[in-house]
N, C-alpha and C. Protein backbone atom coordinates (compact mmCIF):
# COMPACT_ATOMS: atom_id res chain seq x y z
N MET A 1 -4.98 -10.26 -8.03
CA MET A 1 -4.67 -8.78 -8.41
C MET A 1 -4.53 -8.66 -9.94
N PHE A 2 -3.81 -9.57 -10.39
CA PHE A 2 -3.64 -9.38 -11.92
C PHE A 2 -4.82 -9.40 -12.68
N GLU A 3 -5.83 -10.27 -12.40
CA GLU A 3 -7.02 -10.21 -13.09
C GLU A 3 -7.87 -8.98 -12.91
N VAL A 4 -7.81 -8.39 -11.78
CA VAL A 4 -8.39 -7.19 -11.44
C VAL A 4 -7.83 -5.99 -12.39
N LEU A 5 -6.50 -5.88 -12.37
CA LEU A 5 -5.91 -4.84 -13.13
C LEU A 5 -5.92 -5.13 -14.59
N LYS A 6 -5.93 -6.21 -15.06
CA LYS A 6 -6.08 -6.59 -16.44
C LYS A 6 -7.30 -6.04 -17.00
N SER A 7 -8.29 -5.90 -16.22
CA SER A 7 -9.73 -5.36 -16.64
C SER A 7 -9.48 -4.02 -17.38
N PHE A 8 -8.39 -3.30 -17.07
CA PHE A 8 -8.19 -1.99 -17.68
C PHE A 8 -7.14 -1.89 -18.77
N SER A 9 -6.85 -3.05 -19.19
CA SER A 9 -5.75 -3.24 -20.28
C SER A 9 -6.16 -2.41 -21.60
N LYS A 10 -7.41 -2.21 -21.92
CA LYS A 10 -7.72 -1.60 -23.15
C LYS A 10 -7.89 -0.06 -22.99
N ILE A 11 -7.81 0.51 -21.77
CA ILE A 11 -7.90 1.77 -21.65
C ILE A 11 -6.60 2.58 -21.94
N SER A 12 -6.63 3.30 -22.88
CA SER A 12 -5.21 3.89 -23.45
C SER A 12 -5.26 5.30 -22.70
N HIS A 13 -4.03 5.96 -22.82
CA HIS A 13 -3.87 7.26 -22.34
C HIS A 13 -4.02 7.48 -20.86
N SER A 14 -3.66 6.42 -20.18
CA SER A 14 -3.79 6.50 -18.67
C SER A 14 -2.52 5.77 -18.18
N LYS A 15 -2.32 6.10 -16.79
CA LYS A 15 -1.15 5.53 -16.06
C LYS A 15 -1.76 5.03 -14.75
N TRP A 16 -0.93 4.10 -14.10
CA TRP A 16 -1.28 3.65 -12.87
C TRP A 16 -0.12 4.35 -11.82
N LEU A 17 -0.79 4.86 -10.82
CA LEU A 17 0.14 5.38 -9.77
C LEU A 17 0.15 4.18 -8.75
N VAL A 18 1.29 3.63 -8.30
CA VAL A 18 1.36 2.59 -7.43
C VAL A 18 2.18 3.03 -6.19
N SER A 19 1.53 2.60 -5.09
CA SER A 19 2.35 3.03 -3.77
C SER A 19 2.08 2.01 -2.78
N ASP A 20 2.82 2.07 -1.67
CA ASP A 20 2.56 1.23 -0.46
C ASP A 20 2.64 -0.28 -0.78
N ILE A 21 3.59 -0.57 -1.58
CA ILE A 21 3.66 -2.02 -2.13
C ILE A 21 4.46 -2.90 -1.31
N GLU A 22 3.87 -4.04 -0.77
CA GLU A 22 4.65 -5.18 -0.19
C GLU A 22 4.00 -6.43 -0.64
N GLY A 23 4.86 -7.32 -1.18
CA GLY A 23 4.31 -8.54 -1.58
C GLY A 23 4.69 -9.74 -0.60
N ALA A 24 4.09 -10.81 -0.76
CA ALA A 24 4.33 -12.00 0.11
C ALA A 24 5.72 -12.66 -0.30
N THR A 25 6.01 -12.61 -1.60
CA THR A 25 7.16 -13.17 -2.08
C THR A 25 7.73 -12.16 -3.20
N HIS A 26 8.92 -12.34 -3.60
CA HIS A 26 9.52 -11.31 -4.52
C HIS A 26 9.31 -9.91 -4.16
N HIS A 27 9.27 -9.67 -2.89
CA HIS A 27 9.02 -8.28 -2.37
C HIS A 27 9.83 -7.18 -3.07
N ASP A 28 10.96 -7.59 -3.76
CA ASP A 28 11.91 -6.59 -4.30
C ASP A 28 11.53 -6.36 -5.65
N VAL A 29 10.41 -6.78 -6.10
CA VAL A 29 9.92 -6.56 -7.55
C VAL A 29 9.96 -5.14 -8.00
N PHE A 30 9.73 -4.25 -7.11
CA PHE A 30 9.66 -2.87 -7.26
C PHE A 30 10.88 -2.17 -6.98
N LEU A 31 12.01 -2.91 -6.58
CA LEU A 31 13.16 -2.28 -6.13
C LEU A 31 13.79 -1.26 -7.25
N PRO A 32 13.73 -1.62 -8.48
CA PRO A 32 14.32 -0.63 -9.46
C PRO A 32 13.70 0.77 -9.41
N PHE A 33 12.45 0.76 -8.90
CA PHE A 33 11.69 2.03 -8.83
C PHE A 33 11.77 2.68 -7.37
N ASN A 34 12.34 1.96 -6.49
CA ASN A 34 12.33 2.37 -5.09
C ASN A 34 13.60 3.03 -4.72
N ASN A 35 13.52 4.27 -4.44
CA ASN A 35 14.76 5.01 -3.98
C ASN A 35 14.29 6.12 -2.91
N GLU A 36 15.11 6.77 -2.28
CA GLU A 36 14.84 7.59 -1.25
C GLU A 36 13.93 8.82 -1.67
N LYS A 37 14.09 9.11 -3.00
CA LYS A 37 13.27 10.26 -3.58
C LYS A 37 11.93 10.08 -3.94
N MET A 38 11.57 8.70 -4.20
CA MET A 38 10.22 8.39 -4.76
C MET A 38 9.58 7.32 -3.83
N ASN A 39 8.28 7.59 -3.48
CA ASN A 39 7.49 6.70 -2.64
C ASN A 39 6.40 6.18 -3.55
N TYR A 40 6.36 6.48 -4.75
CA TYR A 40 5.39 5.87 -5.65
C TYR A 40 6.00 5.84 -7.02
N TRP A 41 5.25 5.09 -7.94
CA TRP A 41 5.71 4.91 -9.30
C TRP A 41 4.63 4.97 -10.17
N TYR A 42 4.85 5.39 -11.60
CA TYR A 42 3.82 5.33 -12.69
C TYR A 42 4.31 4.15 -13.48
N PHE A 43 3.18 3.41 -13.91
CA PHE A 43 3.25 2.40 -14.91
C PHE A 43 2.16 2.63 -15.90
N ASP A 44 2.40 2.09 -17.17
CA ASP A 44 1.26 1.93 -18.09
C ASP A 44 0.67 0.55 -17.75
N THR A 45 -0.42 0.29 -18.14
CA THR A 45 -1.13 -0.99 -17.78
C THR A 45 -0.26 -2.24 -18.16
N LYS A 46 0.29 -2.34 -19.31
CA LYS A 46 1.12 -3.43 -19.65
C LYS A 46 2.28 -3.54 -18.79
N GLN A 47 2.99 -2.62 -18.51
CA GLN A 47 4.14 -2.57 -17.44
C GLN A 47 3.77 -3.06 -16.19
N LEU A 48 2.66 -2.51 -15.70
CA LEU A 48 2.13 -2.99 -14.45
C LEU A 48 1.79 -4.38 -14.39
N LEU A 49 1.08 -4.92 -15.26
CA LEU A 49 0.70 -6.28 -15.32
C LEU A 49 1.95 -7.19 -15.43
N THR A 50 3.01 -6.83 -15.97
CA THR A 50 4.29 -7.53 -15.99
C THR A 50 4.80 -7.65 -14.55
N GLU A 51 4.78 -6.56 -13.85
CA GLU A 51 5.37 -6.56 -12.50
C GLU A 51 4.47 -7.27 -11.52
N VAL A 52 3.10 -7.20 -11.73
CA VAL A 52 2.19 -7.75 -10.75
C VAL A 52 2.16 -9.30 -10.85
N LYS A 53 2.52 -9.74 -12.07
CA LYS A 53 2.64 -11.20 -12.29
C LYS A 53 3.72 -11.94 -11.39
N LYS A 54 4.75 -11.02 -11.04
CA LYS A 54 5.79 -11.47 -10.32
C LYS A 54 5.54 -11.71 -8.85
N ILE A 55 4.38 -11.12 -8.36
CA ILE A 55 4.13 -11.17 -6.85
C ILE A 55 2.97 -12.21 -6.80
N ILE A 56 3.19 -13.20 -5.80
CA ILE A 56 2.12 -14.34 -5.62
C ILE A 56 0.97 -13.69 -4.82
N GLN A 57 1.25 -12.94 -3.77
CA GLN A 57 0.13 -12.24 -3.05
C GLN A 57 0.69 -10.90 -2.51
N PHE A 58 -0.16 -9.99 -2.37
CA PHE A 58 0.18 -8.72 -1.70
C PHE A 58 -0.20 -8.58 -0.38
N GLU A 59 0.67 -8.10 0.42
CA GLU A 59 0.33 -7.68 1.91
C GLU A 59 -0.32 -6.31 1.87
N SER A 60 0.13 -5.48 1.08
CA SER A 60 -0.53 -4.19 0.90
C SER A 60 -0.15 -3.65 -0.50
N GLY A 61 -0.79 -2.60 -0.83
CA GLY A 61 -0.65 -1.97 -2.13
C GLY A 61 -1.72 -1.12 -2.53
N VAL A 62 -1.51 0.00 -3.24
CA VAL A 62 -2.45 0.84 -3.76
C VAL A 62 -2.33 1.05 -5.24
N PHE A 63 -3.23 0.95 -6.06
CA PHE A 63 -3.10 1.04 -7.53
C PHE A 63 -4.22 2.11 -7.92
N CYS A 64 -3.79 3.16 -8.34
CA CYS A 64 -4.69 4.26 -8.81
C CYS A 64 -4.50 4.47 -10.28
N LEU A 65 -5.63 4.37 -11.11
CA LEU A 65 -5.53 4.66 -12.50
C LEU A 65 -5.92 6.05 -12.65
N ILE A 66 -4.97 6.74 -13.32
CA ILE A 66 -5.00 8.20 -13.48
C ILE A 66 -4.99 8.51 -14.94
N GLU A 67 -5.91 9.37 -15.43
CA GLU A 67 -6.06 9.70 -16.87
C GLU A 67 -5.63 11.19 -16.94
N GLY A 68 -4.90 11.57 -17.83
CA GLY A 68 -4.43 12.86 -18.13
C GLY A 68 -2.90 13.14 -17.72
N GLU A 69 -2.75 14.28 -17.36
CA GLU A 69 -1.42 14.58 -16.95
C GLU A 69 -0.90 14.23 -15.69
N LEU A 70 0.29 13.54 -15.64
CA LEU A 70 0.91 13.11 -14.49
C LEU A 70 1.37 14.06 -13.47
N LYS A 71 1.28 13.99 -12.22
CA LYS A 71 1.65 15.00 -11.29
C LYS A 71 2.83 14.39 -10.47
N ILE A 72 3.45 15.35 -9.69
CA ILE A 72 4.32 14.93 -8.66
C ILE A 72 3.72 15.21 -7.36
N TYR A 73 3.53 14.26 -6.49
CA TYR A 73 2.79 14.34 -5.35
C TYR A 73 3.74 14.55 -4.09
N LYS A 74 3.27 15.33 -3.13
CA LYS A 74 4.06 15.43 -1.86
C LYS A 74 3.85 14.20 -0.98
N ASP A 75 4.79 13.98 -0.13
CA ASP A 75 4.68 12.72 0.79
C ASP A 75 3.27 12.54 1.43
N ASP A 76 2.70 13.59 1.87
CA ASP A 76 1.36 13.59 2.52
C ASP A 76 0.23 13.37 1.55
N GLU A 77 0.49 13.41 0.24
CA GLU A 77 -0.64 13.21 -0.75
C GLU A 77 -0.58 11.74 -1.38
N ILE A 78 0.49 10.97 -1.02
CA ILE A 78 0.59 9.73 -1.55
C ILE A 78 -0.38 8.79 -1.04
N PRO A 79 -1.25 8.05 -1.83
CA PRO A 79 -2.13 7.02 -1.36
C PRO A 79 -1.43 5.94 -0.66
N PHE A 80 -2.22 5.55 0.46
CA PHE A 80 -1.75 4.48 1.28
C PHE A 80 -2.86 3.59 1.61
N THR A 81 -2.42 2.29 1.89
CA THR A 81 -3.49 1.19 1.95
C THR A 81 -4.46 1.41 3.04
N GLU A 82 -4.06 1.89 4.21
CA GLU A 82 -4.95 1.94 5.45
C GLU A 82 -5.75 3.33 5.45
N ALA A 83 -5.96 3.93 4.28
CA ALA A 83 -6.62 5.26 4.35
C ALA A 83 -8.11 5.10 4.48
N SER A 84 -8.81 6.20 4.53
CA SER A 84 -10.39 6.10 4.66
C SER A 84 -10.94 5.57 3.48
N GLU A 85 -12.23 5.06 3.46
CA GLU A 85 -12.87 4.29 2.44
C GLU A 85 -13.28 5.26 1.37
N GLU A 86 -12.50 5.90 0.47
CA GLU A 86 -12.82 6.71 -0.53
C GLU A 86 -11.59 6.89 -1.43
N LEU A 87 -11.81 7.42 -2.61
CA LEU A 87 -10.69 7.73 -3.55
C LEU A 87 -9.84 8.76 -2.85
N GLN A 88 -8.57 8.42 -2.90
CA GLN A 88 -7.54 9.32 -2.25
C GLN A 88 -7.04 10.43 -3.17
N LEU A 89 -7.08 10.32 -4.43
CA LEU A 89 -6.59 11.24 -5.37
C LEU A 89 -7.90 11.93 -6.23
N SER A 90 -7.95 13.08 -6.30
CA SER A 90 -9.06 13.68 -7.09
C SER A 90 -9.11 13.39 -8.61
N ASP A 91 -7.92 13.05 -9.13
CA ASP A 91 -7.89 12.77 -10.56
C ASP A 91 -7.74 11.17 -10.82
N CYS A 92 -8.12 10.43 -9.90
CA CYS A 92 -8.10 8.96 -9.92
C CYS A 92 -9.50 8.47 -10.44
N LEU A 93 -9.34 7.61 -11.48
CA LEU A 93 -10.54 7.00 -12.11
C LEU A 93 -11.06 5.81 -11.24
N ILE A 94 -10.16 5.01 -10.80
CA ILE A 94 -10.43 3.93 -10.01
C ILE A 94 -9.20 3.65 -9.06
N GLU A 95 -9.49 3.11 -7.74
CA GLU A 95 -8.39 2.87 -7.01
C GLU A 95 -8.61 1.50 -6.39
N VAL A 96 -7.46 0.62 -6.40
CA VAL A 96 -7.68 -0.71 -5.87
C VAL A 96 -6.57 -0.87 -4.83
N ARG A 97 -7.09 -1.39 -3.66
CA ARG A 97 -6.10 -1.52 -2.36
C ARG A 97 -6.01 -3.03 -2.05
N ALA A 98 -4.95 -3.53 -1.98
CA ALA A 98 -4.60 -4.89 -1.50
C ALA A 98 -4.34 -4.88 -0.06
N PHE A 99 -4.95 -5.87 0.64
CA PHE A 99 -4.72 -6.02 2.06
C PHE A 99 -4.44 -7.38 2.54
N ASP A 100 -3.52 -7.62 3.42
CA ASP A 100 -3.24 -8.74 4.35
C ASP A 100 -3.18 -10.04 3.43
N PHE A 101 -2.74 -9.99 2.29
CA PHE A 101 -2.51 -11.28 1.48
C PHE A 101 -3.79 -11.92 0.99
N SER A 102 -4.98 -11.41 1.46
CA SER A 102 -6.29 -12.24 1.16
C SER A 102 -7.35 -11.42 0.55
N TYR A 103 -7.40 -10.13 0.45
CA TYR A 103 -8.62 -9.43 -0.22
C TYR A 103 -8.08 -8.08 -0.66
N PHE A 104 -9.06 -7.46 -1.40
CA PHE A 104 -8.74 -6.11 -1.96
C PHE A 104 -10.03 -5.33 -1.90
N GLU A 105 -9.89 -4.03 -1.99
CA GLU A 105 -11.02 -3.10 -2.06
C GLU A 105 -10.84 -2.33 -3.26
N VAL A 106 -12.12 -1.91 -3.86
CA VAL A 106 -12.10 -1.17 -5.02
C VAL A 106 -13.01 0.21 -4.67
N TYR A 107 -12.37 1.38 -5.16
CA TYR A 107 -13.13 2.66 -5.06
C TYR A 107 -13.10 3.24 -6.52
N SER A 108 -14.39 3.82 -6.76
CA SER A 108 -14.38 4.49 -7.99
C SER A 108 -15.82 5.27 -8.03
N ASN A 109 -15.79 6.45 -8.79
CA ASN A 109 -16.96 7.28 -8.79
C ASN A 109 -17.78 6.84 -10.07
N ASN A 110 -17.29 5.82 -10.78
CA ASN A 110 -17.81 5.48 -11.97
C ASN A 110 -18.17 4.02 -11.90
N LEU A 111 -19.49 3.63 -11.91
CA LEU A 111 -19.89 2.22 -11.92
C LEU A 111 -19.47 1.31 -12.90
N GLU A 112 -19.16 1.92 -14.05
CA GLU A 112 -18.72 1.07 -15.25
C GLU A 112 -17.36 0.43 -14.92
N TYR A 113 -16.50 1.15 -14.20
CA TYR A 113 -15.18 0.71 -13.91
C TYR A 113 -15.30 -0.57 -13.04
N ILE A 114 -16.16 -0.41 -12.05
CA ILE A 114 -16.50 -1.48 -11.12
C ILE A 114 -16.99 -2.74 -11.96
N LYS A 115 -17.82 -2.50 -12.77
CA LYS A 115 -18.42 -3.62 -13.53
C LYS A 115 -17.30 -4.26 -14.52
N MET A 116 -16.36 -3.52 -14.97
CA MET A 116 -15.29 -4.09 -15.70
C MET A 116 -14.48 -5.05 -14.81
N ILE A 117 -14.27 -4.79 -13.63
CA ILE A 117 -13.59 -5.67 -12.67
C ILE A 117 -14.46 -6.99 -12.48
N LEU A 118 -15.67 -6.77 -12.13
CA LEU A 118 -16.49 -7.85 -11.81
C LEU A 118 -16.56 -8.96 -12.95
N LYS A 119 -16.43 -8.39 -14.24
CA LYS A 119 -16.45 -9.35 -15.39
C LYS A 119 -15.18 -10.29 -15.30
N ASN A 120 -14.18 -9.84 -14.78
CA ASN A 120 -12.81 -10.52 -14.72
C ASN A 120 -12.52 -11.41 -13.63
N ILE A 121 -13.43 -11.24 -12.57
CA ILE A 121 -13.15 -11.98 -11.31
C ILE A 121 -13.76 -13.42 -11.53
N PRO A 122 -12.91 -14.45 -11.56
CA PRO A 122 -13.35 -15.85 -11.80
C PRO A 122 -14.30 -16.38 -10.83
N ASN A 123 -14.07 -16.16 -9.50
CA ASN A 123 -14.99 -16.74 -8.46
C ASN A 123 -15.79 -15.63 -7.79
N LYS A 124 -16.85 -15.24 -8.46
CA LYS A 124 -17.67 -14.11 -7.86
C LYS A 124 -18.27 -14.40 -6.62
N SER A 125 -18.35 -15.60 -6.17
CA SER A 125 -18.90 -16.03 -4.87
C SER A 125 -17.99 -15.51 -3.69
N SER A 126 -16.76 -15.15 -4.08
CA SER A 126 -15.84 -14.72 -2.99
C SER A 126 -16.15 -13.19 -2.66
N ILE A 127 -16.99 -12.52 -3.41
CA ILE A 127 -17.13 -11.18 -3.12
C ILE A 127 -18.11 -11.09 -1.87
N GLU A 128 -17.72 -10.42 -0.88
CA GLU A 128 -18.48 -10.27 0.27
C GLU A 128 -19.57 -9.19 0.31
N TYR A 129 -19.25 -8.10 -0.22
CA TYR A 129 -20.42 -7.12 -0.37
C TYR A 129 -20.00 -6.12 -1.51
N PHE A 130 -21.00 -5.45 -1.97
CA PHE A 130 -20.71 -4.50 -3.10
C PHE A 130 -21.68 -3.35 -2.84
N THR A 131 -21.25 -2.19 -2.64
CA THR A 131 -22.00 -0.98 -2.47
C THR A 131 -21.64 0.16 -3.46
N VAL A 132 -22.60 0.92 -3.76
CA VAL A 132 -22.37 2.00 -4.81
C VAL A 132 -22.56 3.33 -3.98
């Protein structure tokens, strides 16, 4: 996951909305941001990469790169891992979802963002399919 998210380290003026996070180990990595009032968190890419490095594998997680003004979302608007196969937020540039400790899915309306990720994946033979 680190390599995927690192693909966007040069994009400035954007934040990551992170939700539905559970890690295989160090599952409390997001505890400082977890409270009864918030079900999601915003990070800049550098902050997010620091936190993601602490997790060995993700059981679930949604990472949405958002450019522009940050919003406060209602509970029923917060992205979740098991959603339909499309971007969940209209202002999202790219959405990465982690599943079951073993794979992830990527959604974007911009093929260039997908290509940025493909450049950073060390073992491209592990990609099962790619559709636009």
